[in-house]
N, C-alpha and C. Protein backbone atom coordinates (compact mmCIF):
# COMPACT_ATOMS: atom_id res chain seq x y z
N CYS A 1 -6.10 -63.40 -27.27
CA CYS A 1 -4.92 -63.50 -28.10
C CYS A 1 -3.82 -62.54 -27.61
N LYS A 2 -4.12 -61.73 -26.59
CA LYS A 2 -3.12 -60.79 -26.08
C LYS A 2 -2.03 -61.57 -25.35
N VAL A 3 -0.77 -61.31 -25.72
CA VAL A 3 0.36 -62.05 -25.19
C VAL A 3 1.22 -61.13 -24.33
N GLU A 4 1.44 -61.55 -23.08
CA GLU A 4 2.33 -60.79 -22.21
C GLU A 4 3.77 -61.04 -22.63
N ASN A 5 4.66 -60.18 -22.18
CA ASN A 5 6.09 -60.29 -22.47
C ASN A 5 6.40 -60.14 -23.95
N THR A 6 5.53 -59.47 -24.67
CA THR A 6 5.71 -59.29 -26.10
C THR A 6 5.89 -57.81 -26.41
N LEU A 7 6.85 -57.53 -27.28
CA LEU A 7 7.12 -56.17 -27.71
C LEU A 7 7.20 -56.17 -29.23
N TYR A 8 6.58 -55.19 -29.86
CA TYR A 8 6.68 -55.02 -31.31
C TYR A 8 7.37 -53.69 -31.56
N VAL A 9 8.40 -53.71 -32.39
CA VAL A 9 9.17 -52.50 -32.68
C VAL A 9 9.37 -52.37 -34.18
N ALA A 10 9.43 -51.12 -34.64
CA ALA A 10 9.72 -50.85 -36.04
C ALA A 10 11.20 -50.53 -36.19
N LEU A 11 11.84 -51.23 -37.10
CA LEU A 11 13.23 -50.97 -37.45
C LEU A 11 13.27 -50.75 -38.95
N ALA A 12 13.44 -49.49 -39.34
CA ALA A 12 13.42 -49.10 -40.75
C ALA A 12 12.08 -49.51 -41.37
N SER A 13 12.09 -50.47 -42.29
CA SER A 13 10.84 -50.85 -42.98
C SER A 13 10.28 -52.19 -42.49
N GLU A 14 10.72 -52.63 -41.32
CA GLU A 14 10.25 -53.92 -40.79
C GLU A 14 9.68 -53.75 -39.38
N VAL A 15 8.67 -54.58 -39.06
CA VAL A 15 8.15 -54.68 -37.71
C VAL A 15 8.66 -55.99 -37.14
N HIS A 16 9.32 -55.90 -35.97
CA HIS A 16 9.90 -57.07 -35.33
C HIS A 16 9.15 -57.41 -34.04
N HIS A 17 9.09 -58.68 -33.76
CA HIS A 17 8.53 -59.19 -32.51
C HIS A 17 9.68 -59.56 -31.59
N VAL A 18 9.63 -59.09 -30.33
CA VAL A 18 10.65 -59.40 -29.34
C VAL A 18 9.96 -60.06 -28.15
N ASP A 19 10.48 -61.20 -27.72
CA ASP A 19 9.98 -61.87 -26.53
C ASP A 19 10.82 -61.40 -25.35
N LEU A 20 10.20 -60.64 -24.44
CA LEU A 20 10.92 -60.01 -23.34
C LEU A 20 11.41 -61.00 -22.29
N ARG A 21 10.97 -62.23 -22.35
CA ARG A 21 11.44 -63.24 -21.39
C ARG A 21 12.86 -63.70 -21.70
N TYR A 22 13.32 -63.43 -22.92
CA TYR A 22 14.63 -63.93 -23.34
C TYR A 22 15.55 -62.79 -23.75
N LEU A 23 15.73 -61.83 -22.88
CA LEU A 23 16.56 -60.67 -23.20
C LEU A 23 18.05 -60.98 -23.19
N ASP A 24 18.45 -62.07 -22.56
CA ASP A 24 19.87 -62.44 -22.57
C ASP A 24 20.33 -62.83 -23.96
N SER A 25 19.46 -63.43 -24.71
CA SER A 25 19.80 -63.83 -26.08
C SER A 25 18.69 -63.35 -27.02
N VAL A 26 18.66 -62.04 -27.20
CA VAL A 26 17.57 -61.43 -27.96
C VAL A 26 17.62 -61.86 -29.42
N THR A 27 16.55 -62.46 -29.83
CA THR A 27 16.35 -62.75 -31.25
C THR A 27 14.98 -62.20 -31.59
N THR A 28 14.85 -61.71 -32.78
CA THR A 28 13.57 -61.16 -33.21
C THR A 28 13.12 -61.88 -34.46
N ASP A 29 11.83 -61.84 -34.66
CA ASP A 29 11.31 -62.35 -35.92
C ASP A 29 10.51 -61.24 -36.57
N VAL A 30 10.56 -61.18 -37.89
CA VAL A 30 9.89 -60.12 -38.64
C VAL A 30 8.40 -60.47 -38.76
N VAL A 31 7.57 -59.53 -38.35
CA VAL A 31 6.13 -59.71 -38.40
C VAL A 31 5.56 -59.12 -39.68
N SER A 32 6.13 -58.00 -40.12
CA SER A 32 5.59 -57.28 -41.26
C SER A 32 6.70 -56.44 -41.89
N THR A 33 6.53 -56.13 -43.17
CA THR A 33 7.46 -55.25 -43.87
C THR A 33 6.69 -54.20 -44.65
N SER A 34 7.39 -53.14 -45.01
CA SER A 34 6.81 -52.05 -45.78
C SER A 34 7.81 -51.64 -46.85
N ALA A 35 7.34 -50.92 -47.85
CA ALA A 35 8.22 -50.43 -48.91
C ALA A 35 9.11 -49.29 -48.41
N GLU A 36 8.65 -48.58 -47.39
CA GLU A 36 9.38 -47.43 -46.84
C GLU A 36 9.47 -47.57 -45.32
N ASP A 37 10.09 -46.58 -44.68
CA ASP A 37 10.25 -46.60 -43.23
C ASP A 37 8.89 -46.58 -42.52
N ILE A 38 8.84 -47.31 -41.41
CA ILE A 38 7.63 -47.37 -40.58
C ILE A 38 7.80 -46.36 -39.45
N ASN A 39 6.75 -45.56 -39.24
CA ASN A 39 6.81 -44.47 -38.26
C ASN A 39 6.21 -44.81 -36.91
N GLN A 40 5.19 -45.67 -36.89
CA GLN A 40 4.58 -46.06 -35.62
C GLN A 40 3.97 -47.43 -35.76
N VAL A 41 4.00 -48.17 -34.65
CA VAL A 41 3.39 -49.49 -34.56
C VAL A 41 2.50 -49.52 -33.33
N VAL A 42 1.26 -50.00 -33.47
CA VAL A 42 0.35 -50.15 -32.33
C VAL A 42 -0.36 -51.49 -32.44
N VAL A 43 -0.73 -52.03 -31.29
CA VAL A 43 -1.49 -53.27 -31.21
C VAL A 43 -2.85 -52.93 -30.61
N ASN A 44 -3.93 -53.53 -31.16
CA ASN A 44 -5.26 -53.22 -30.62
C ASN A 44 -5.43 -53.83 -29.23
N SER A 45 -6.52 -53.47 -28.55
CA SER A 45 -6.70 -53.85 -27.15
C SER A 45 -6.84 -55.35 -26.94
N THR A 46 -7.25 -56.11 -27.95
CA THR A 46 -7.37 -57.56 -27.80
C THR A 46 -6.08 -58.28 -28.14
N GLY A 47 -5.13 -57.58 -28.73
CA GLY A 47 -3.88 -58.20 -29.13
C GLY A 47 -3.99 -59.00 -30.42
N GLU A 48 -5.09 -58.82 -31.12
CA GLU A 48 -5.33 -59.59 -32.35
C GLU A 48 -4.71 -58.94 -33.59
N TYR A 49 -4.69 -57.60 -33.62
CA TYR A 49 -4.21 -56.89 -34.80
C TYR A 49 -3.12 -55.89 -34.43
N LEU A 50 -2.20 -55.71 -35.35
CA LEU A 50 -1.14 -54.72 -35.26
C LEU A 50 -1.30 -53.79 -36.46
N ALA A 51 -1.17 -52.49 -36.23
CA ALA A 51 -1.23 -51.52 -37.33
C ALA A 51 0.08 -50.75 -37.36
N SER A 52 0.54 -50.44 -38.58
CA SER A 52 1.75 -49.64 -38.73
C SER A 52 1.51 -48.54 -39.75
N ALA A 53 2.08 -47.38 -39.48
CA ALA A 53 2.01 -46.21 -40.36
C ALA A 53 3.36 -46.04 -41.03
N ASP A 54 3.37 -45.76 -42.35
CA ASP A 54 4.66 -45.69 -43.03
C ASP A 54 4.82 -44.46 -43.91
N ASP A 55 6.03 -44.30 -44.44
CA ASP A 55 6.38 -43.13 -45.24
C ASP A 55 5.69 -43.09 -46.60
N THR A 56 5.09 -44.18 -47.06
CA THR A 56 4.35 -44.17 -48.32
C THR A 56 2.97 -43.55 -48.14
N GLY A 57 2.56 -43.32 -46.88
CA GLY A 57 1.23 -42.80 -46.59
C GLY A 57 0.22 -43.89 -46.32
N GLU A 58 0.67 -45.13 -46.23
CA GLU A 58 -0.23 -46.27 -46.02
C GLU A 58 -0.23 -46.75 -44.58
N VAL A 59 -1.31 -47.43 -44.24
CA VAL A 59 -1.42 -48.12 -42.96
C VAL A 59 -1.56 -49.60 -43.27
N SER A 60 -0.73 -50.42 -42.65
CA SER A 60 -0.84 -51.87 -42.79
C SER A 60 -1.43 -52.43 -41.51
N VAL A 61 -2.42 -53.31 -41.66
CA VAL A 61 -3.01 -54.00 -40.52
C VAL A 61 -2.66 -55.47 -40.66
N VAL A 62 -2.00 -56.00 -39.63
CA VAL A 62 -1.52 -57.38 -39.65
C VAL A 62 -2.29 -58.19 -38.62
N SER A 63 -2.73 -59.37 -39.01
CA SER A 63 -3.32 -60.32 -38.06
C SER A 63 -2.16 -60.97 -37.32
N LEU A 64 -2.09 -60.79 -36.01
CA LEU A 64 -1.00 -61.35 -35.23
C LEU A 64 -1.16 -62.87 -35.07
N ARG A 65 -2.36 -63.34 -35.19
CA ARG A 65 -2.60 -64.78 -35.11
C ARG A 65 -1.98 -65.50 -36.32
N ASP A 66 -2.21 -64.94 -37.51
CA ASP A 66 -1.71 -65.55 -38.75
C ASP A 66 -0.35 -65.02 -39.18
N ARG A 67 0.04 -63.85 -38.60
CA ARG A 67 1.26 -63.16 -39.02
C ARG A 67 1.23 -62.82 -40.50
N LYS A 68 0.05 -62.41 -40.97
CA LYS A 68 -0.13 -62.01 -42.36
C LYS A 68 -0.83 -60.66 -42.41
N VAL A 69 -0.57 -59.93 -43.50
CA VAL A 69 -1.25 -58.65 -43.69
C VAL A 69 -2.74 -58.91 -43.87
N PHE A 70 -3.54 -58.28 -43.02
CA PHE A 70 -4.99 -58.42 -43.08
C PHE A 70 -5.55 -57.42 -44.09
N LYS A 71 -5.10 -56.16 -44.00
CA LYS A 71 -5.53 -55.11 -44.94
C LYS A 71 -4.42 -54.08 -45.11
N GLN A 72 -4.32 -53.54 -46.32
CA GLN A 72 -3.48 -52.38 -46.62
C GLN A 72 -4.44 -51.22 -46.83
N LEU A 73 -4.32 -50.18 -46.04
CA LEU A 73 -5.18 -49.01 -46.17
C LEU A 73 -4.46 -47.98 -47.01
N ARG A 74 -4.88 -47.88 -48.26
CA ARG A 74 -4.23 -47.01 -49.25
C ARG A 74 -5.18 -45.90 -49.68
N ARG A 75 -4.63 -44.97 -50.43
CA ARG A 75 -5.39 -43.86 -51.00
C ARG A 75 -6.10 -43.02 -49.93
N GLY A 76 -5.39 -42.84 -48.84
CA GLY A 76 -5.91 -41.98 -47.79
C GLY A 76 -5.03 -40.75 -47.63
N HIS A 77 -3.77 -40.99 -47.33
CA HIS A 77 -2.82 -39.90 -47.13
C HIS A 77 -2.03 -39.65 -48.41
N SER A 78 -1.83 -38.37 -48.72
CA SER A 78 -1.06 -38.00 -49.91
C SER A 78 0.42 -37.81 -49.59
N SER A 79 0.76 -37.97 -48.33
CA SER A 79 2.14 -37.81 -47.87
C SER A 79 2.40 -38.87 -46.81
N ILE A 80 3.44 -38.68 -46.04
CA ILE A 80 3.83 -39.62 -44.98
C ILE A 80 2.70 -39.80 -43.98
N CYS A 81 2.41 -41.05 -43.64
CA CYS A 81 1.49 -41.37 -42.54
C CYS A 81 2.35 -41.52 -41.30
N SER A 82 2.19 -40.61 -40.36
CA SER A 82 3.10 -40.55 -39.21
C SER A 82 2.60 -41.31 -37.99
N CYS A 83 1.28 -41.54 -37.89
CA CYS A 83 0.77 -42.15 -36.67
C CYS A 83 -0.53 -42.90 -36.92
N VAL A 84 -0.83 -43.79 -35.99
CA VAL A 84 -2.03 -44.62 -36.10
C VAL A 84 -2.49 -44.99 -34.69
N ALA A 85 -3.82 -45.13 -34.52
CA ALA A 85 -4.38 -45.52 -33.22
C ALA A 85 -5.68 -46.28 -33.46
N PHE A 86 -5.82 -47.41 -32.78
CA PHE A 86 -7.08 -48.16 -32.85
C PHE A 86 -8.13 -47.44 -32.03
N ARG A 87 -9.38 -47.60 -32.43
CA ARG A 87 -10.51 -47.03 -31.69
C ARG A 87 -11.04 -48.10 -30.75
N PRO A 88 -10.82 -47.96 -29.43
CA PRO A 88 -11.07 -49.05 -28.49
C PRO A 88 -12.50 -49.61 -28.49
N ARG A 89 -13.49 -48.81 -28.62
CA ARG A 89 -14.87 -49.29 -28.53
C ARG A 89 -15.49 -49.64 -29.88
N GLN A 90 -14.72 -49.50 -30.94
CA GLN A 90 -15.15 -49.87 -32.28
C GLN A 90 -14.12 -50.83 -32.84
N PRO A 91 -14.33 -52.13 -32.72
CA PRO A 91 -13.27 -53.11 -33.00
C PRO A 91 -12.72 -53.11 -34.42
N TRP A 92 -13.42 -52.53 -35.39
CA TRP A 92 -12.94 -52.54 -36.78
C TRP A 92 -12.50 -51.16 -37.25
N GLU A 93 -12.30 -50.24 -36.31
CA GLU A 93 -11.94 -48.87 -36.71
C GLU A 93 -10.60 -48.45 -36.15
N LEU A 94 -9.91 -47.62 -36.93
CA LEU A 94 -8.68 -47.01 -36.47
C LEU A 94 -8.53 -45.63 -37.10
N PHE A 95 -7.75 -44.79 -36.44
CA PHE A 95 -7.43 -43.46 -36.94
C PHE A 95 -5.98 -43.45 -37.43
N SER A 96 -5.73 -42.66 -38.46
CA SER A 96 -4.36 -42.42 -38.89
C SER A 96 -4.19 -40.92 -39.07
N GLY A 97 -2.96 -40.46 -38.88
CA GLY A 97 -2.64 -39.04 -39.05
C GLY A 97 -1.40 -38.92 -39.91
N GLY A 98 -1.34 -37.83 -40.66
CA GLY A 98 -0.22 -37.70 -41.58
C GLY A 98 0.32 -36.30 -41.74
N LEU A 99 1.42 -36.24 -42.48
CA LEU A 99 2.05 -34.96 -42.75
C LEU A 99 1.29 -34.17 -43.82
N ASP A 100 0.21 -34.74 -44.34
CA ASP A 100 -0.70 -34.02 -45.24
C ASP A 100 -1.76 -33.25 -44.45
N CYS A 101 -1.60 -33.19 -43.14
CA CYS A 101 -2.47 -32.45 -42.22
C CYS A 101 -3.86 -33.08 -42.07
N LEU A 102 -3.98 -34.38 -42.34
CA LEU A 102 -5.26 -35.08 -42.25
C LEU A 102 -5.26 -36.10 -41.11
N VAL A 103 -6.42 -36.21 -40.46
CA VAL A 103 -6.72 -37.33 -39.57
C VAL A 103 -7.81 -38.11 -40.28
N LEU A 104 -7.57 -39.41 -40.49
CA LEU A 104 -8.52 -40.26 -41.20
C LEU A 104 -9.06 -41.33 -40.27
N LEU A 105 -10.36 -41.62 -40.39
CA LEU A 105 -10.98 -42.72 -39.69
C LEU A 105 -11.23 -43.82 -40.72
N TRP A 106 -10.76 -45.04 -40.43
CA TRP A 106 -10.85 -46.16 -41.34
C TRP A 106 -11.70 -47.28 -40.75
N ASP A 107 -12.43 -47.98 -41.61
CA ASP A 107 -13.00 -49.28 -41.28
C ASP A 107 -12.02 -50.28 -41.88
N PHE A 108 -11.14 -50.85 -41.05
CA PHE A 108 -10.09 -51.68 -41.61
C PHE A 108 -10.57 -53.08 -41.99
N SER A 109 -11.77 -53.47 -41.57
CA SER A 109 -12.30 -54.76 -42.01
C SER A 109 -12.63 -54.73 -43.50
N ARG A 110 -13.04 -53.56 -43.98
CA ARG A 110 -13.37 -53.40 -45.41
C ARG A 110 -12.32 -52.61 -46.18
N GLY A 111 -11.36 -52.05 -45.47
CA GLY A 111 -10.32 -51.26 -46.14
C GLY A 111 -10.84 -49.95 -46.67
N LYS A 112 -11.85 -49.39 -46.02
CA LYS A 112 -12.49 -48.16 -46.49
C LYS A 112 -12.29 -47.00 -45.53
N LYS A 113 -12.07 -45.84 -46.11
CA LYS A 113 -11.99 -44.59 -45.34
C LYS A 113 -13.41 -44.16 -45.00
N LYS A 114 -13.67 -43.89 -43.72
CA LYS A 114 -15.00 -43.49 -43.27
C LYS A 114 -15.14 -41.99 -43.08
N LEU A 115 -14.04 -41.34 -42.68
CA LEU A 115 -14.12 -39.93 -42.32
C LEU A 115 -12.77 -39.29 -42.51
N GLU A 116 -12.79 -38.04 -42.97
CA GLU A 116 -11.56 -37.26 -43.16
C GLU A 116 -11.68 -35.97 -42.37
N LEU A 117 -10.73 -35.75 -41.48
CA LEU A 117 -10.69 -34.53 -40.68
C LEU A 117 -9.48 -33.72 -41.12
N ALA A 118 -9.73 -32.61 -41.79
CA ALA A 118 -8.64 -31.76 -42.29
C ALA A 118 -8.30 -30.71 -41.24
N ALA A 119 -7.02 -30.50 -41.05
CA ALA A 119 -6.57 -29.48 -40.11
C ALA A 119 -6.92 -28.10 -40.64
N ASP A 120 -7.32 -27.24 -39.75
CA ASP A 120 -7.59 -25.85 -40.11
C ASP A 120 -6.28 -25.20 -40.52
N GLN A 121 -6.21 -24.72 -41.75
CA GLN A 121 -4.96 -24.17 -42.28
C GLN A 121 -4.75 -22.69 -41.95
N THR A 122 -5.72 -22.08 -41.29
CA THR A 122 -5.55 -20.66 -40.95
C THR A 122 -4.51 -20.51 -39.85
N ASN A 123 -3.83 -19.41 -39.84
CA ASN A 123 -2.79 -19.18 -38.84
C ASN A 123 -3.42 -19.03 -37.46
N SER A 124 -2.88 -19.78 -36.53
CA SER A 124 -3.33 -19.65 -35.15
C SER A 124 -2.28 -18.85 -34.39
N GLU A 125 -2.63 -18.45 -33.17
CA GLU A 125 -1.70 -17.66 -32.37
C GLU A 125 -0.38 -18.38 -32.16
N GLY A 126 -0.44 -19.70 -31.94
CA GLY A 126 0.76 -20.46 -31.64
C GLY A 126 1.61 -20.79 -32.86
N GLN A 127 1.04 -20.65 -34.05
CA GLN A 127 1.77 -21.05 -35.25
C GLN A 127 2.71 -19.95 -35.70
N VAL A 128 3.96 -20.32 -35.89
CA VAL A 128 4.94 -19.39 -36.40
C VAL A 128 5.27 -19.76 -37.84
N PHE A 129 5.89 -20.91 -38.04
CA PHE A 129 6.27 -21.34 -39.37
C PHE A 129 5.73 -22.72 -39.73
N ASN A 130 5.51 -23.55 -38.76
CA ASN A 130 5.18 -24.94 -39.04
C ASN A 130 3.71 -25.13 -39.42
N PRO A 131 3.45 -25.95 -40.45
CA PRO A 131 2.07 -26.27 -40.80
C PRO A 131 1.48 -27.26 -39.80
N PRO A 132 0.17 -27.42 -39.79
CA PRO A 132 -0.47 -28.31 -38.82
C PRO A 132 -0.41 -29.80 -39.20
N MET A 133 0.79 -30.27 -39.52
CA MET A 133 0.96 -31.70 -39.82
C MET A 133 0.64 -32.51 -38.58
N ILE A 134 0.03 -33.68 -38.77
CA ILE A 134 -0.37 -34.52 -37.64
C ILE A 134 0.79 -35.42 -37.24
N HIS A 135 1.22 -35.31 -35.98
CA HIS A 135 2.35 -36.10 -35.49
C HIS A 135 1.92 -37.21 -34.54
N SER A 136 0.73 -37.10 -33.95
CA SER A 136 0.26 -38.13 -33.04
C SER A 136 -1.26 -38.06 -32.94
N VAL A 137 -1.89 -39.23 -32.84
CA VAL A 137 -3.34 -39.29 -32.58
C VAL A 137 -3.56 -40.18 -31.36
N ALA A 138 -4.59 -39.85 -30.59
CA ALA A 138 -4.93 -40.62 -29.39
C ALA A 138 -6.44 -40.70 -29.27
N VAL A 139 -6.91 -41.87 -28.83
CA VAL A 139 -8.34 -42.12 -28.66
C VAL A 139 -8.57 -42.60 -27.23
N PRO A 140 -9.43 -41.93 -26.47
CA PRO A 140 -9.67 -42.34 -25.09
C PRO A 140 -10.41 -43.68 -25.01
N GLU A 141 -10.19 -44.41 -23.93
CA GLU A 141 -10.87 -45.69 -23.73
C GLU A 141 -12.17 -45.54 -22.96
N LYS A 142 -12.38 -44.43 -22.27
CA LYS A 142 -13.59 -44.24 -21.47
C LYS A 142 -14.81 -44.15 -22.36
N ARG A 143 -15.88 -44.81 -21.95
CA ARG A 143 -17.12 -44.86 -22.72
C ARG A 143 -17.66 -43.47 -23.05
N GLU A 144 -17.65 -42.57 -22.08
CA GLU A 144 -18.22 -41.23 -22.30
C GLU A 144 -17.39 -40.37 -23.24
N LEU A 145 -16.17 -40.78 -23.55
CA LEU A 145 -15.32 -40.04 -24.47
C LEU A 145 -15.03 -40.82 -25.75
N ALA A 146 -15.78 -41.88 -25.98
CA ALA A 146 -15.51 -42.80 -27.09
C ALA A 146 -15.60 -42.15 -28.47
N ASN A 147 -16.28 -41.04 -28.59
CA ASN A 147 -16.42 -40.37 -29.89
C ASN A 147 -15.45 -39.22 -30.07
N HIS A 148 -14.38 -39.22 -29.31
CA HIS A 148 -13.38 -38.16 -29.39
C HIS A 148 -12.05 -38.71 -29.88
N VAL A 149 -11.33 -37.86 -30.59
CA VAL A 149 -9.96 -38.18 -31.01
C VAL A 149 -9.14 -36.90 -30.86
N ALA A 150 -7.94 -37.06 -30.32
CA ALA A 150 -7.03 -35.93 -30.15
C ALA A 150 -5.90 -36.06 -31.17
N ALA A 151 -5.51 -34.92 -31.73
CA ALA A 151 -4.42 -34.90 -32.70
C ALA A 151 -3.40 -33.84 -32.30
N ALA A 152 -2.14 -34.27 -32.15
CA ALA A 152 -1.05 -33.34 -31.87
C ALA A 152 -0.47 -32.89 -33.20
N ARG A 153 -0.38 -31.57 -33.39
CA ARG A 153 0.00 -31.02 -34.69
C ARG A 153 1.34 -30.29 -34.65
N GLY A 154 1.91 -30.14 -35.82
CA GLY A 154 3.20 -29.49 -35.97
C GLY A 154 3.19 -28.00 -35.72
N ASP A 155 2.02 -27.38 -35.63
CA ASP A 155 1.94 -25.95 -35.36
C ASP A 155 1.85 -25.67 -33.86
N ALA A 156 2.28 -26.66 -33.07
CA ALA A 156 2.31 -26.55 -31.60
C ALA A 156 0.91 -26.51 -30.99
N SER A 157 -0.05 -27.16 -31.63
CA SER A 157 -1.40 -27.21 -31.09
C SER A 157 -1.87 -28.65 -30.98
N ILE A 158 -2.85 -28.85 -30.12
CA ILE A 158 -3.54 -30.13 -29.99
C ILE A 158 -5.00 -29.86 -30.28
N VAL A 159 -5.57 -30.65 -31.19
CA VAL A 159 -6.98 -30.48 -31.55
C VAL A 159 -7.74 -31.71 -31.07
N ILE A 160 -8.89 -31.48 -30.45
CA ILE A 160 -9.75 -32.58 -30.03
C ILE A 160 -11.03 -32.49 -30.83
N TYR A 161 -11.33 -33.58 -31.54
CA TYR A 161 -12.53 -33.65 -32.37
C TYR A 161 -13.57 -34.53 -31.70
N ASP A 162 -14.84 -34.13 -31.82
CA ASP A 162 -15.98 -34.96 -31.43
C ASP A 162 -16.61 -35.43 -32.72
N ILE A 163 -16.63 -36.73 -32.96
CA ILE A 163 -17.12 -37.26 -34.24
C ILE A 163 -18.46 -37.98 -34.08
N SER A 164 -19.21 -37.66 -33.04
CA SER A 164 -20.46 -38.36 -32.77
C SER A 164 -21.54 -38.01 -33.78
N LYS A 165 -22.32 -39.02 -34.13
CA LYS A 165 -23.51 -38.88 -34.98
C LYS A 165 -23.24 -38.13 -36.27
N SER A 166 -22.13 -38.39 -36.90
CA SER A 166 -21.77 -37.81 -38.20
C SER A 166 -21.64 -36.28 -38.19
N ALA A 167 -21.74 -35.69 -37.03
CA ALA A 167 -21.56 -34.24 -36.92
C ALA A 167 -20.19 -34.00 -36.29
N VAL A 168 -19.20 -33.76 -37.11
CA VAL A 168 -17.84 -33.55 -36.62
C VAL A 168 -17.72 -32.15 -36.06
N LYS A 169 -17.22 -32.07 -34.84
CA LYS A 169 -17.00 -30.77 -34.21
C LYS A 169 -15.58 -30.71 -33.70
N ASN A 170 -14.94 -29.59 -33.95
CA ASN A 170 -13.63 -29.32 -33.36
C ASN A 170 -13.95 -28.76 -31.99
N THR A 171 -13.84 -29.59 -30.94
CA THR A 171 -14.30 -29.18 -29.63
C THR A 171 -13.31 -28.32 -28.86
N LEU A 172 -12.03 -28.48 -29.17
CA LEU A 172 -11.03 -27.76 -28.40
C LEU A 172 -9.72 -27.71 -29.17
N THR A 173 -9.09 -26.56 -29.16
CA THR A 173 -7.74 -26.44 -29.69
C THR A 173 -6.87 -25.84 -28.61
N LEU A 174 -5.83 -26.55 -28.25
CA LEU A 174 -4.93 -26.08 -27.20
C LEU A 174 -3.69 -25.48 -27.83
């Protein structure tokens, strides 16, 4: 279902589809909408699902085949959800990060939160004034790193978590 020449962009509270083959006469169609501004849009590795993080603290997962909302992931973040990333080797899982200093792991097929990773609120050497709000999450595609997630935080640090076998470890803070 992965389509080449396709771009998805967030404009305010809408996700638009752009066909890059027709840039001379750009027209877009709305794929999804939100009640508030959308902060990030990602498509999973198969091109079947699109996820968006928004200012209400929710993650919307849209089926690109049907162009309909597949699941709304609510009651996870208490503040703005700033970022989202699919977990490549787990087809029904994604991570979200927010300004509430949380990284959440979701099973989006059931709409359930599986794991909550709270940022360490203690002052680190690099932190001056900013709290450790999550601004970006990344998940490696390599098999040997499949149980890791990296989170870029507002306190100028990057935290890498190992979530293997239900034993969450903060493996590295940069």
